[in-house]
Amino acid sequence: MTAPAHTQEFEDAIKITPLSSHTYSADLVTQWSVGTAPNGGYLTAILYRLATTHFQNTHPTRHSSRPMPISMQLSFIRRSAVGPALMTVRDVKLGLRTSTIQVTLSQPGSSNSAEKYIDKVTGYITISDPVSEVGVSTPCSWTLYPPPPEFKPPQLRDGQPVPNSLWKKTIMKDPNFRRASSNSEFWEPVDPRLDERRGIVDQWGRLRPRGPKGGLGRWTNEAVAYLVDIFPVALENLEYATAKEMGSPPPYWFPTIALNIDFKKPLPEGGVEWLYSRITTKSVRNGRTDIEVIVMDEAGEIVALATQLGLVLGSGRNTGENQGTGQRKQSNL
């Protein structure tokens, strides 16, 4: 059997199983986690797959049998955990051009909890399809500013950048803590020009899941849902500033609290090898971050737009370890 474009490793990680017309199960795996908590982008990819599976199974005649999310608005209510998850779907609107569903991801409560399942993620997903996606398409005057060093992916020879390349391979910091990021390969500018780009990060990325069924894959629509929450250099910059302000060493945890995605352009069925991301942070205040991500293909067309609200927390809040006084100190970055 031919492996999916995004590799069998990623396919297995986002697998969901129908339990009824509106309930599904999944198994959240360690490999796509940050510390002990599954990464927000990984959870988003699972919910993307939930939406398409729900319409294919429960509403097979709608959206030309080719449902695709065009918008997701998610709230990450509580920290999720590796292990089984239950997902429920409520049909909010079943329309001709667009449909809207409410999705909730829950996990078993603790032994001393009164609730059998506790909600971890909830939100709304808007569905359309390629046939219904008709209407005006017009170019706008928007462009990337400041521009990246060059708008084309790194040129490689035997896996290494060619001489005088403007891009260098990103070395992941704390890969055992940020395992989710280690399932991709990123390239950053050799000269980031920090004086011009404070709060701005450019990256080219390739999907490369670890594991026996992984290796170099291709970005698919589900994988884009994961990509919008993966930006190692941006987090490294934020982590450096946090450590300087807080007086305690990395790693830090930056959990996603709310995530909004506008899927502009579906990727071809076979996926694409490279995608570019522009990551921008405008303000970090009282331990809260804003992050905007623009994902573009090699043709310079926008694939997805994402905005998120996150927190800045000590890693002990993720792993359950005792926090030092430095990590309890109020941050005013």
C-alpha atoms as a PDB file:
ATOM      1  CA  MET A   1       0.000   0.000   0.000  1.00  0.00           C
ATOM      2  CA  THR A   2       1.325   3.433  -0.930  1.00  0.00           C
ATOM      3  CA  ALA A   3       2.156   5.628   2.054  1.00  0.00           C
ATOM      4  CA  PRO A   4       0.348   8.987   2.343  1.00  0.00           C
ATOM      5  CA  ALA A   5       2.216  12.037   1.082  1.00  0.00           C
ATOM      6  CA  HIS A   6       2.697  13.234   4.654  1.00  0.00           C
ATOM      7  CA  THR A   7       4.212   9.815   5.609  1.00  0.00           C
ATOM      8  CA  GLN A   8       2.592   6.904   7.380  1.00  0.00           C
ATOM      9  CA  GLU A   9       4.071   8.153  10.667  1.00  0.00           C
ATOM     10  CA  PHE A  10       2.010  11.349  10.527  1.00  0.00           C
ATOM     11  CA  GLU A  11      -1.028   9.466   9.218  1.00  0.00           C
ATOM     12  CA  ASP A  12      -0.928   7.106  12.198  1.00  0.00           C
ATOM     13  CA  ALA A  13      -0.506  10.035  14.596  1.00  0.00           C
ATOM     14  CA  ILE A  14      -3.706  11.779  13.396  1.00  0.00           C
ATOM     15  CA  LYS A  15      -5.777   8.612  12.963  1.00  0.00           C
ATOM     16  CA  ILE A  16      -9.313   8.796  14.313  1.00  0.00           C
ATOM     17  CA  THR A  17     -11.852   6.000  14.714  1.00  0.00           C
ATOM     18  CA  PRO A  18     -15.639   6.536  14.388  1.00  0.00           C
ATOM     19  CA  LEU A  19     -17.593   5.341  17.428  1.00  0.00           C
ATOM     20  CA  SER A  20     -20.996   6.619  16.312  1.00  0.00           C
ATOM     21  CA  SER A  21     -22.371   9.189  13.885  1.00  0.00           C
ATOM     22  CA  HIS A  22     -21.086  12.046  16.047  1.00  0.00           C
ATOM     23  CA  THR A  23     -18.398  10.579  18.325  1.00  0.00           C
ATOM     24  CA  TYR A  24     -14.855   9.535  17.483  1.00  0.00           C
ATOM     25  CA  SER A  25     -11.715   8.399  19.256  1.00  0.00           C
ATOM     26  CA  ALA A  26      -8.011   9.132  18.817  1.00  0.00           C
ATOM     27  CA  ASP A  27      -4.766   8.250  20.540  1.00  0.00           C
ATOM     28  CA  LEU A  28      -2.509  11.234  21.267  1.00  0.00           C
ATOM     29  CA  VAL A  29       1.134  10.215  20.974  1.00  0.00           C
ATOM     30  CA  THR A  30       4.292  11.392  22.729  1.00  0.00           C
ATOM     31  CA  GLN A  31       6.240  12.037  19.537  1.00  0.00           C
ATOM     32  CA  TRP A  32       4.062  15.060  18.699  1.00  0.00           C
ATOM     33  CA  SER A  33       4.187  16.623  22.164  1.00  0.00           C
ATOM     34  CA  VAL A  34       5.922  19.465  23.959  1.00  0.00           C
ATOM     35  CA  GLY A  35       7.026  18.089  27.285  1.00  0.00           C
ATOM     36  CA  THR A  36       4.113  15.946  28.398  1.00  0.00           C
ATOM     37  CA  ALA A  37       1.419  17.887  26.502  1.00  0.00           C
ATOM     38  CA  PRO A  38       0.467  17.202  22.864  1.00  0.00           C
ATOM     39  CA  ASN A  39       1.340  20.181  20.672  1.00  0.00           C
ATOM     40  CA  GLY A  40      -1.517  22.510  19.732  1.00  0.00           C
ATOM     41  CA  GLY A  41      -0.808  22.212  16.013  1.00  0.00           C
ATOM     42  CA  TYR A  42      -0.846  18.435  16.282  1.00  0.00           C
ATOM     43  CA  LEU A  43      -4.234  18.580  18.011  1.00  0.00           C
ATOM     44  CA  THR A  44      -5.444  20.954  15.299  1.00  0.00           C
ATOM     45  CA  ALA A  45      -4.401  18.464  12.605  1.00  0.00           C
ATOM     46  CA  ILE A  46      -6.411  15.764  14.385  1.00  0.00           C
ATOM     47  CA  LEU A  47      -9.472  18.025  14.498  1.00  0.00           C
ATOM     48  CA  TYR A  48      -8.985  18.845  10.805  1.00  0.00           C
ATOM     49  CA  ARG A  49      -9.089  15.109  10.098  1.00  0.00           C
ATOM     50  CA  LEU A  50     -12.108  14.786  12.401  1.00  0.00           C
ATOM     51  CA  ALA A  51     -14.027  17.323  10.307  1.00  0.00           C
ATOM     52  CA  THR A  52     -13.352  15.623   6.978  1.00  0.00           C
ATOM     53  CA  THR A  53     -14.035  12.154   8.389  1.00  0.00           C
ATOM     54  CA  HIS A  54     -17.293  13.286   9.977  1.00  0.00           C
ATOM     55  CA  PHE A  55     -18.696  14.562   6.689  1.00  0.00           C
ATOM     56  CA  GLN A  56     -17.470  11.553   4.734  1.00  0.00           C
ATOM     57  CA  ASN A  57     -19.094   9.154   7.229  1.00  0.00           C
ATOM     58  CA  THR A  58     -22.166  10.995   8.502  1.00  0.00           C
ATOM     59  CA  HIS A  59     -22.978  13.378   5.637  1.00  0.00           C
ATOM     60  CA  PRO A  60     -21.502  11.614   2.585  1.00  0.00           C
ATOM     61  CA  THR A  61     -23.693  13.422   0.038  1.00  0.00           C
ATOM     62  CA  ARG A  62     -22.773  16.909   1.201  1.00  0.00           C
ATOM     63  CA  HIS A  63     -19.981  19.044  -0.206  1.00  0.00           C
ATOM     64  CA  SER A  64     -19.478  16.866  -3.280  1.00  0.00           C
ATOM     65  CA  SER A  65     -18.075  14.104  -1.041  1.00  0.00           C
ATOM     66  CA  ARG A  66     -14.906  16.216  -0.806  1.00  0.00           C
ATOM     67  CA  PRO A  67     -15.276  18.220   2.415  1.00  0.00           C
ATOM     68  CA  MET A  68     -12.430  20.517   3.403  1.00  0.00           C
ATOM     69  CA  PRO A  69     -12.143  22.934   6.321  1.00  0.00           C
ATOM     70  CA  ILE A  70     -11.739  26.551   5.279  1.00  0.00           C
ATOM     71  CA  SER A  71     -11.757  28.029   8.781  1.00  0.00           C
ATOM     72  CA  MET A  72     -11.020  26.827  12.324  1.00  0.00           C
ATOM     73  CA  GLN A  73     -11.522  28.701  15.604  1.00  0.00           C
ATOM     74  CA  LEU A  74     -10.243  26.682  18.543  1.00  0.00           C
ATOM     75  CA  SER A  75      -9.945  27.254  22.289  1.00  0.00           C
ATOM     76  CA  PHE A  76      -7.486  25.131  24.224  1.00  0.00           C
ATOM     77  CA  ILE A  77      -9.246  24.970  27.566  1.00  0.00           C
ATOM     78  CA  ARG A  78      -6.961  22.680  29.515  1.00  0.00           C
ATOM     79  CA  ARG A  79      -3.653  20.958  28.986  1.00  0.00           C
ATOM     80  CA  SER A  80      -4.181  17.726  27.098  1.00  0.00           C
ATOM     81  CA  ALA A  81      -2.228  14.553  27.792  1.00  0.00           C
ATOM     82  CA  VAL A  82      -0.730  11.704  25.826  1.00  0.00           C
ATOM     83  CA  GLY A  83      -3.221   8.853  25.576  1.00  0.00           C
ATOM     84  CA  PRO A  84      -6.819   8.241  24.505  1.00  0.00           C
ATOM     85  CA  ALA A  85      -9.123  11.093  23.530  1.00  0.00           C
ATOM     86  CA  LEU A  86     -12.842  11.268  22.793  1.00  0.00           C
ATOM     87  CA  MET A  87     -14.099  13.711  20.174  1.00  0.00           C
ATOM     88  CA  THR A  88     -17.697  14.803  19.740  1.00  0.00           C
ATOM     89  CA  VAL A  89     -19.262  16.729  16.869  1.00  0.00           C
ATOM     90  CA  ARG A  90     -22.373  18.913  16.865  1.00  0.00           C
ATOM     91  CA  ASP A  91     -23.814  19.888  13.490  1.00  0.00           C
ATOM     92  CA  VAL A  92     -24.441  23.614  13.858  1.00  0.00           C
ATOM     93  CA  LYS A  93     -25.316  24.337  10.222  1.00  0.00           C
ATOM     94  CA  LEU A  94     -25.457  22.038   7.210  1.00  0.00           C
ATOM     95  CA  GLY A  95     -25.495  24.279   4.143  1.00  0.00           C
ATOM     96  CA  LEU A  96     -24.941  24.151   0.407  1.00  0.00           C
ATOM     97  CA  ARG A  97     -21.761  26.217   0.137  1.00  0.00           C
ATOM     98  CA  THR A  98     -20.567  26.071   3.750  1.00  0.00           C
ATOM     99  CA  SER A  99     -21.346  24.011   6.825  1.00  0.00           C
ATOM    100  CA  THR A 100     -20.322  24.625  10.418  1.00  0.00           C
ATOM    101  CA  ILE A 101     -19.674  22.077  13.132  1.00  0.00           C
ATOM    102  CA  GLN A 102     -18.721  22.410  16.776  1.00  0.00           C
ATOM    103  CA  VAL A 103     -16.019  19.994  17.889  1.00  0.00           C
ATOM    104  CA  THR A 104     -14.836  19.049  21.366  1.00  0.00           C
ATOM    105  CA  LEU A 105     -11.855  16.937  22.346  1.00  0.00           C
ATOM    106  CA  SER A 106     -12.138  15.376  25.800  1.00  0.00           C
ATOM    107  CA  GLN A 107     -10.043  12.992  27.851  1.00  0.00           C
ATOM    108  CA  PRO A 108     -10.760  10.725  30.830  1.00  0.00           C
ATOM    109  CA  GLY A 109     -10.900  12.542  34.152  1.00  0.00           C
ATOM    110  CA  SER A 110      -8.708  11.632  37.092  1.00  0.00           C
ATOM    111  CA  SER A 111      -9.780   9.028  39.625  1.00  0.00           C
ATOM    112  CA  ASN A 112     -10.907  11.742  42.053  1.00  0.00           C
ATOM    113  CA  SER A 113     -12.783  13.712  39.386  1.00  0.00           C
ATOM    114  CA  ALA A 114     -16.578  13.768  39.363  1.00  0.00           C
ATOM    115  CA  GLU A 115     -16.569  13.932  35.567  1.00  0.00           C
ATOM    116  CA  LYS A 116     -15.878  10.857  33.453  1.00  0.00           C
ATOM    117  CA  TYR A 117     -14.480  13.014  30.629  1.00  0.00           C
ATOM    118  CA  ILE A 118     -13.006  16.504  30.843  1.00  0.00           C
ATOM    119  CA  ASP A 119     -13.054  18.890  27.872  1.00  0.00           C
ATOM    120  CA  LYS A 120      -9.591  19.896  26.667  1.00  0.00           C
ATOM    121  CA  VAL A 121     -10.176  21.613  23.294  1.00  0.00           C
ATOM    122  CA  THR A 122     -13.336  23.004  21.751  1.00  0.00           C
ATOM    123  CA  GLY A 123     -14.203  25.183  18.801  1.00  0.00           C
ATOM    124  CA  TYR A 124     -15.886  25.646  15.443  1.00  0.00           C
ATOM    125  CA  ILE A 125     -14.858  24.432  12.002  1.00  0.00           C
ATOM    126  CA  THR A 126     -16.344  25.762   8.760  1.00  0.00           C
ATOM    127  CA  ILE A 127     -16.455  23.297   5.863  1.00  0.00           C
ATOM    128  CA  SER A 128     -16.653  23.843   2.112  1.00  0.00           C
ATOM    129  CA  ASP A 129     -15.499  21.872  -0.935  1.00  0.00           C
ATOM    130  CA  PRO A 130     -13.639  22.473  -4.227  1.00  0.00           C
ATOM    131  CA  VAL A 131     -16.871  22.554  -6.257  1.00  0.00           C
ATOM    132  CA  SER A 132     -18.519  25.187  -4.044  1.00  0.00           C
ATOM    133  CA  GLU A 133     -15.371  27.303  -3.818  1.00  0.00           C
ATOM    134  CA  VAL A 134     -16.317  29.635  -6.666  1.00  0.00           C
ATOM    135  CA  GLY A 135     -16.427  33.400  -6.854  1.00  0.00           C
ATOM    136  CA  VAL A 136     -14.178  36.354  -7.419  1.00  0.00           C
ATOM    137  CA  SER A 137     -10.434  35.951  -6.967  1.00  0.00           C
ATOM    138  CA  THR A 138      -8.461  39.146  -7.312  1.00  0.00           C
ATOM    139  CA  PRO A 139      -4.894  40.142  -6.466  1.00  0.00           C
ATOM    140  CA  CYS A 140      -4.399  42.626  -3.642  1.00  0.00           C
ATOM    141  CA  SER A 141      -1.549  45.052  -3.051  1.00  0.00           C
ATOM    142  CA  TRP A 142      -0.329  43.229   0.057  1.00  0.00           C
ATOM    143  CA  THR A 143       3.227  41.926   0.059  1.00  0.00           C
ATOM    144  CA  LEU A 144       5.668  40.636   2.660  1.00  0.00           C
ATOM    145  CA  TYR A 145       7.420  43.474   4.448  1.00  0.00           C
ATOM    146  CA  PRO A 146      10.212  43.509   5.213  1.00  0.00           C
ATOM    147  CA  PRO A 147      10.891  41.030   2.409  1.00  0.00           C
ATOM    148  CA  PRO A 148      12.669  37.743   3.196  1.00  0.00           C
ATOM    149  CA  PRO A 149      16.289  37.335   2.019  1.00  0.00           C
ATOM    150  CA  GLU A 150      14.931  35.574  -1.064  1.00  0.00           C
ATOM    151  CA  PHE A 151      11.605  33.955  -1.767  1.00  0.00           C
ATOM    152  CA  LYS A 152      12.655  30.493  -2.775  1.00  0.00           C
ATOM    153  CA  PRO A 153      13.489  27.459  -0.646  1.00  0.00           C
ATOM    154  CA  PRO A 154      17.099  26.538   0.118  1.00  0.00           C
ATOM    155  CA  GLN A 155      18.991  25.029  -2.788  1.00  0.00           C
ATOM    156  CA  LEU A 156      20.516  21.768  -1.559  1.00  0.00           C
ATOM    157  CA  ARG A 157      23.230  19.493  -2.867  1.00  0.00           C
ATOM    158  CA  ASP A 158      23.524  16.097  -1.169  1.00  0.00           C
ATOM    159  CA  GLY A 159      21.370  17.444   1.629  1.00  0.00           C
ATOM    160  CA  GLN A 160      23.616  20.467   2.252  1.00  0.00           C
ATOM    161  CA  PRO A 161      23.042  24.086   1.196  1.00  0.00           C
ATOM    162  CA  VAL A 162      24.906  25.235  -1.887  1.00  0.00           C
ATOM    163  CA  PRO A 163      27.772  27.736  -1.375  1.00  0.00           C
ATOM    164  CA  ASN A 164      26.671  31.271  -0.486  1.00  0.00           C
ATOM    165  CA  SER A 165      23.177  30.085   0.411  1.00  0.00           C
ATOM    166  CA  LEU A 166      21.078  32.691   2.177  1.00  0.00           C
ATOM    167  CA  TRP A 167      19.475  29.977   4.332  1.00  0.00           C
ATOM    168  CA  LYS A 168      20.905  27.746   7.048  1.00  0.00           C
ATOM    169  CA  LYS A 169      19.391  24.706   8.708  1.00  0.00           C
ATOM    170  CA  THR A 170      17.783  25.417  12.070  1.00  0.00           C
ATOM    171  CA  ILE A 171      19.337  23.558  14.994  1.00  0.00           C
ATOM    172  CA  MET A 172      16.525  22.571  17.326  1.00  0.00           C
ATOM    173  CA  LYS A 173      16.962  23.652  20.939  1.00  0.00           C
ATOM    174  CA  ASP A 174      15.763  21.237  23.638  1.00  0.00           C
ATOM    175  CA  PRO A 175      14.612  18.581  21.129  1.00  0.00           C
ATOM    176  CA  ASN A 176      13.657  16.169  23.913  1.00  0.00           C
ATOM    177  CA  PHE A 177      11.276  18.789  25.331  1.00  0.00           C
ATOM    178  CA  ARG A 178       9.985  20.160  21.998  1.00  0.00           C
ATOM    179  CA  ARG A 179       9.496  16.830  20.278  1.00  0.00           C
ATOM    180  CA  ALA A 180       6.692  18.109  18.027  1.00  0.00           C
ATOM    181  CA  SER A 181       9.056  20.565  16.302  1.00  0.00           C
ATOM    182  CA  SER A 182      11.597  17.799  15.690  1.00  0.00           C
ATOM    183  CA  ASN A 183       9.210  16.167  13.210  1.00  0.00           C
ATOM    184  CA  SER A 184       9.999  18.899  10.697  1.00  0.00           C
ATOM    185  CA  GLU A 185      13.111  20.379   9.132  1.00  0.00           C
ATOM    186  CA  PHE A 186      13.399  24.157   9.107  1.00  0.00           C
ATOM    187  CA  TRP A 187      15.725  26.632   7.427  1.00  0.00           C
ATOM    188  CA  GLU A 188      16.270  30.192   8.649  1.00  0.00           C
ATOM    189  CA  PRO A 189      18.090  33.202   7.144  1.00  0.00           C
ATOM    190  CA  VAL A 190      21.871  33.196   7.512  1.00  0.00           C
ATOM    191  CA  ASP A 191      21.575  36.925   8.222  1.00  0.00           C
ATOM    192  CA  PRO A 192      18.319  37.523  10.130  1.00  0.00           C
ATOM    193  CA  ARG A 193      18.909  41.319  10.215  1.00  0.00           C
ATOM    194  CA  LEU A 194      17.498  41.550  13.718  1.00  0.00           C
ATOM    195  CA  ASP A 195      17.673  45.335  13.706  1.00  0.00           C
ATOM    196  CA  GLU A 196      15.043  45.376  10.949  1.00  0.00           C
ATOM    197  CA  ARG A 197      13.139  42.265  11.955  1.00  0.00           C
ATOM    198  CA  ARG A 198      12.645  42.340  15.695  1.00  0.00           C
ATOM    199  CA  GLY A 199       9.614  40.166  16.315  1.00  0.00           C
ATOM    200  CA  ILE A 200       9.695  38.809  12.737  1.00  0.00           C
ATOM    201  CA  VAL A 201      10.939  35.353  11.721  1.00  0.00           C
ATOM    202  CA  ASP A 202      11.162  33.770   8.256  1.00  0.00           C
ATOM    203  CA  GLN A 203      11.415  30.023   7.754  1.00  0.00           C
ATOM    204  CA  TRP A 204      11.207  27.417   5.017  1.00  0.00           C
ATOM    205  CA  GLY A 205      10.088  24.010   6.210  1.00  0.00           C
ATOM    206  CA  ARG A 206       9.883  20.402   5.116  1.00  0.00           C
ATOM    207  CA  LEU A 207       7.875  17.723   6.902  1.00  0.00           C
ATOM    208  CA  ARG A 208      10.176  15.012   8.238  1.00  0.00           C
ATOM    209  CA  PRO A 209       8.465  12.872  10.899  1.00  0.00           C
ATOM    210  CA  ARG A 210      10.727  10.743  13.040  1.00  0.00           C
ATOM    211  CA  GLY A 211      10.120   7.049  13.456  1.00  0.00           C
ATOM    212  CA  PRO A 212      10.236   3.861  11.378  1.00  0.00           C
ATOM    213  CA  LYS A 213       7.377   5.026   9.136  1.00  0.00           C
ATOM    214  CA  GLY A 214       8.620   8.599   8.829  1.00  0.00           C
ATOM    215  CA  GLY A 215      11.309  10.301   6.808  1.00  0.00           C
ATOM    216  CA  LEU A 216      10.974  13.115   4.306  1.00  0.00           C
ATOM    217  CA  GLY A 217       7.306  13.738   3.598  1.00  0.00           C
ATOM    218  CA  ARG A 218       5.249  16.398   1.881  1.00  0.00           C
ATOM    219  CA  TRP A 219       2.997  19.046   3.329  1.00  0.00           C
ATOM    220  CA  THR A 220      -0.695  18.189   3.011  1.00  0.00           C
ATOM    221  CA  ASN A 221      -3.734  20.127   4.176  1.00  0.00           C
ATOM    222  CA  GLU A 222      -3.774  18.280   7.516  1.00  0.00           C
ATOM    223  CA  ALA A 223      -0.051  18.918   7.922  1.00  0.00           C
ATOM    224  CA  VAL A 224      -0.581  22.657   7.353  1.00  0.00           C
ATOM    225  CA  ALA A 225      -2.834  22.638  10.427  1.00  0.00           C
ATOM    226  CA  TYR A 226       0.187  21.364  12.355  1.00  0.00           C
ATOM    227  CA  LEU A 227       2.646  23.738  10.657  1.00  0.00           C
ATOM    228  CA  VAL A 228       0.872  26.938  11.724  1.00  0.00           C
ATOM    229  CA  ASP A 229       1.836  26.139  15.338  1.00  0.00           C
ATOM    230  CA  ILE A 230       5.476  25.156  14.663  1.00  0.00           C
ATOM    231  CA  PHE A 231       8.069  27.948  14.612  1.00  0.00           C
ATOM    232  CA  PRO A 232      11.222  26.944  16.529  1.00  0.00           C
ATOM    233  CA  VAL A 233      13.288  30.083  15.843  1.00  0.00           C
ATOM    234  CA  ALA A 234      10.477  32.406  16.945  1.00  0.00           C
ATOM    235  CA  LEU A 235      10.119  30.444  20.184  1.00  0.00           C
ATOM    236  CA  GLU A 236      13.886  30.444  20.689  1.00  0.00           C
ATOM    237  CA  ASN A 237      13.914  34.242  20.429  1.00  0.00           C
ATOM    238  CA  LEU A 238      11.002  34.509  22.825  1.00  0.00           C
ATOM    239  CA  GLU A 239      12.617  32.022  25.195  1.00  0.00           C
ATOM    240  CA  TYR A 240      15.867  34.004  25.243  1.00  0.00           C
ATOM    241  CA  ALA A 241      14.016  37.204  26.137  1.00  0.00           C
ATOM    242  CA  THR A 242      11.977  35.370  28.776  1.00  0.00           C
ATOM    243  CA  ALA A 243      15.028  33.819  30.429  1.00  0.00           C
ATOM    244  CA  LYS A 244      16.761  37.205  30.508  1.00  0.00           C
ATOM    245  CA  GLU A 245      13.731  38.843  32.103  1.00  0.00           C
ATOM    246  CA  MET A 246      12.865  36.050  34.528  1.00  0.00           C
ATOM    247  CA  GLY A 247      16.379  35.145  35.571  1.00  0.00           C
ATOM    248  CA  SER A 248      15.858  31.401  35.161  1.00  0.00           C
ATOM    249  CA  PRO A 249      17.167  29.087  32.437  1.00  0.00           C
ATOM    250  CA  PRO A 250      15.197  27.519  29.563  1.00  0.00           C
ATOM    251  CA  PRO A 251      13.228  25.624  28.531  1.00  0.00           C
ATOM    252  CA  TYR A 252       9.979  27.521  28.789  1.00  0.00           C
ATOM    253  CA  TRP A 253       6.549  26.386  27.716  1.00  0.00           C
ATOM    254  CA  PHE A 254       4.405  28.476  25.357  1.00  0.00           C
ATOM    255  CA  PRO A 255       0.982  26.778  25.353  1.00  0.00           C
ATOM    256  CA  THR A 256      -1.612  27.846  22.812  1.00  0.00           C
ATOM    257  CA  ILE A 257      -4.806  29.249  24.359  1.00  0.00           C
ATOM    258  CA  ALA A 258      -6.728  30.258  21.228  1.00  0.00           C
ATOM    259  CA  LEU A 259      -5.999  29.562  17.556  1.00  0.00           C
ATOM    260  CA  ASN A 260      -7.757  30.893  14.454  1.00  0.00           C
ATOM    261  CA  ILE A 261      -6.916  29.609  10.972  1.00  0.00           C
ATOM    262  CA  ASP A 262      -8.095  30.768   7.548  1.00  0.00           C
ATOM    263  CA  PHE A 263      -7.202  28.159   4.922  1.00  0.00           C
ATOM    264  CA  LYS A 264      -6.793  30.182   1.734  1.00  0.00           C
ATOM    265  CA  LYS A 265      -5.494  27.665  -0.787  1.00  0.00           C
ATOM    266  CA  PRO A 266      -5.795  23.865  -0.620  1.00  0.00           C
ATOM    267  CA  LEU A 267      -2.636  21.979  -1.455  1.00  0.00           C
ATOM    268  CA  PRO A 268      -2.541  19.485  -4.348  1.00  0.00           C
ATOM    269  CA  GLU A 269      -3.435  15.899  -3.550  1.00  0.00           C
ATOM    270  CA  GLY A 270       0.204  14.818  -3.555  1.00  0.00           C
ATOM    271  CA  GLY A 271       1.224  17.650  -1.252  1.00  0.00           C
ATOM    272  CA  VAL A 272       4.239  19.937  -1.636  1.00  0.00           C
ATOM    273  CA  GLU A 273       7.797  19.574  -0.369  1.00  0.00           C
ATOM    274  CA  TRP A 274       8.437  23.131   0.836  1.00  0.00           C
ATOM    275  CA  LEU A 275       6.314  25.773   2.542  1.00  0.00           C
ATOM    276  CA  TYR A 276       7.375  29.203   3.740  1.00  0.00           C
ATOM    277  CA  SER A 277       6.195  30.769   7.012  1.00  0.00           C
ATOM    278  CA  ARG A 278       6.407  34.383   8.188  1.00  0.00           C
ATOM    279  CA  ILE A 279       5.949  34.545  11.967  1.00  0.00           C
ATOM    280  CA  THR A 280       5.265  37.891  13.648  1.00  0.00           C
ATOM    281  CA  THR A 281       4.892  38.800  17.316  1.00  0.00           C
ATOM    282  CA  LYS A 282       3.681  42.312  18.042  1.00  0.00           C
ATOM    283  CA  SER A 283       3.556  42.382  21.842  1.00  0.00           C
ATOM    284  CA  VAL A 284       4.320  40.206  24.850  1.00  0.00           C
ATOM    285  CA  ARG A 285       2.557  41.513  27.925  1.00  0.00           C
ATOM    286  CA  ASN A 286       1.778  40.003  31.311  1.00  0.00           C
ATOM    287  CA  GLY A 287       2.870  36.574  30.162  1.00  0.00           C
ATOM    288  CA  ARG A 288       0.641  36.559  27.075  1.00  0.00           C
ATOM    289  CA  THR A 289       1.864  36.395  23.496  1.00  0.00           C
ATOM    290  CA  ASP A 290       0.277  37.177  20.153  1.00  0.00           C
ATOM    291  CA  ILE A 291       1.606  35.247  17.166  1.00  0.00           C
ATOM    292  CA  GLU A 292       0.619  35.684  13.524  1.00  0.00           C
ATOM    293  CA  VAL A 293       1.664  33.070  10.975  1.00  0.00           C
ATOM    294  CA  ILE A 294       1.445  33.455   7.190  1.00  0.00           C
ATOM    295  CA  VAL A 295       2.044  30.227   5.257  1.00  0.00           C
ATOM    296  CA  MET A 296       2.906  30.522   1.549  1.00  0.00           C
ATOM    297  CA  ASP A 297       3.861  28.118  -1.219  1.00  0.00           C
ATOM    298  CA  GLU A 298       6.784  28.419  -3.633  1.00  0.00           C
ATOM    299  CA  ALA A 299       4.587  30.362  -6.060  1.00  0.00           C
ATOM    300  CA  GLY A 300       4.173  33.075  -3.431  1.00  0.00           C
ATOM    301  CA  GLU A 301       0.476  32.337  -2.887  1.00  0.00           C
ATOM    302  CA  ILE A 302      -0.974  32.346   0.613  1.00  0.00           C
ATOM    303  CA  VAL A 303      -1.891  28.856   1.799  1.00  0.00           C
ATOM    304  CA  ALA A 304      -3.083  29.727   5.309  1.00  0.00           C
ATOM    305  CA  LEU A 305      -3.311  32.617   7.756  1.00  0.00           C
ATOM    306  CA  ALA A 306      -3.242  31.929  11.480  1.00  0.00           C
ATOM    307  CA  THR A 307      -3.356  34.010  14.634  1.00  0.00           C
ATOM    308  CA  GLN A 308      -2.971  32.706  18.137  1.00  0.00           C
ATOM    309  CA  LEU A 309      -2.953  33.726  21.765  1.00  0.00           C
ATOM    310  CA  GLY A 310      -0.410  31.937  23.926  1.00  0.00           C
ATOM    311  CA  LEU A 311       1.042  31.988  27.416  1.00  0.00           C
ATOM    312  CA  VAL A 312       4.619  32.126  28.681  1.00  0.00           C
ATOM    313  CA  LEU A 313       5.078  29.539  31.428  1.00  0.00           C
ATOM    314  CA  GLY A 314       7.906  27.715  33.119  1.00  0.00           C
ATOM    315  CA  SER A 315       8.457  24.183  31.871  1.00  0.00           C
ATOM    316  CA  GLY A 316       7.466  22.877  35.302  1.00  0.00           C
ATOM    317  CA  ARG A 317       3.864  23.835  34.513  1.00  0.00           C
ATOM    318  CA  ASN A 318       4.057  21.353  31.645  1.00  0.00           C
ATOM    319  CA  THR A 319       5.979  18.511  33.255  1.00  0.00           C
ATOM    320  CA  GLY A 320       4.560  18.845  36.761  1.00  0.00           C
ATOM    321  CA  GLU A 321       7.980  19.551  38.300  1.00  0.00           C
ATOM    322  CA  ASN A 322       8.426  22.045  41.118  1.00  0.00           C
ATOM    323  CA  GLN A 323       9.037  25.551  39.850  1.00  0.00           C
ATOM    324  CA  GLY A 324      11.849  27.717  41.126  1.00  0.00           C
ATOM    325  CA  THR A 325      11.283  31.203  42.423  1.00  0.00           C
ATOM    326  CA  GLY A 326      12.565  32.635  39.155  1.00  0.00           C
ATOM    327  CA  GLN A 327       9.791  30.954  37.184  1.00  0.00           C
ATOM    328  CA  ARG A 328       7.154  32.203  39.610  1.00  0.00           C
ATOM    329  CA  LYS A 329       8.312  35.764  39.170  1.00  0.00           C
ATOM    330  CA  GLN A 330       5.925  37.994  37.278  1.00  0.00           C
ATOM    331  CA  SER A 331       7.140  38.686  33.750  1.00  0.00           C
ATOM    332  CA  ASN A 332       7.025  42.088  32.071  1.00  0.00           C
ATOM    333  CA  LEU A 333       8.766  41.371  28.764  1.00  0.00           C
END
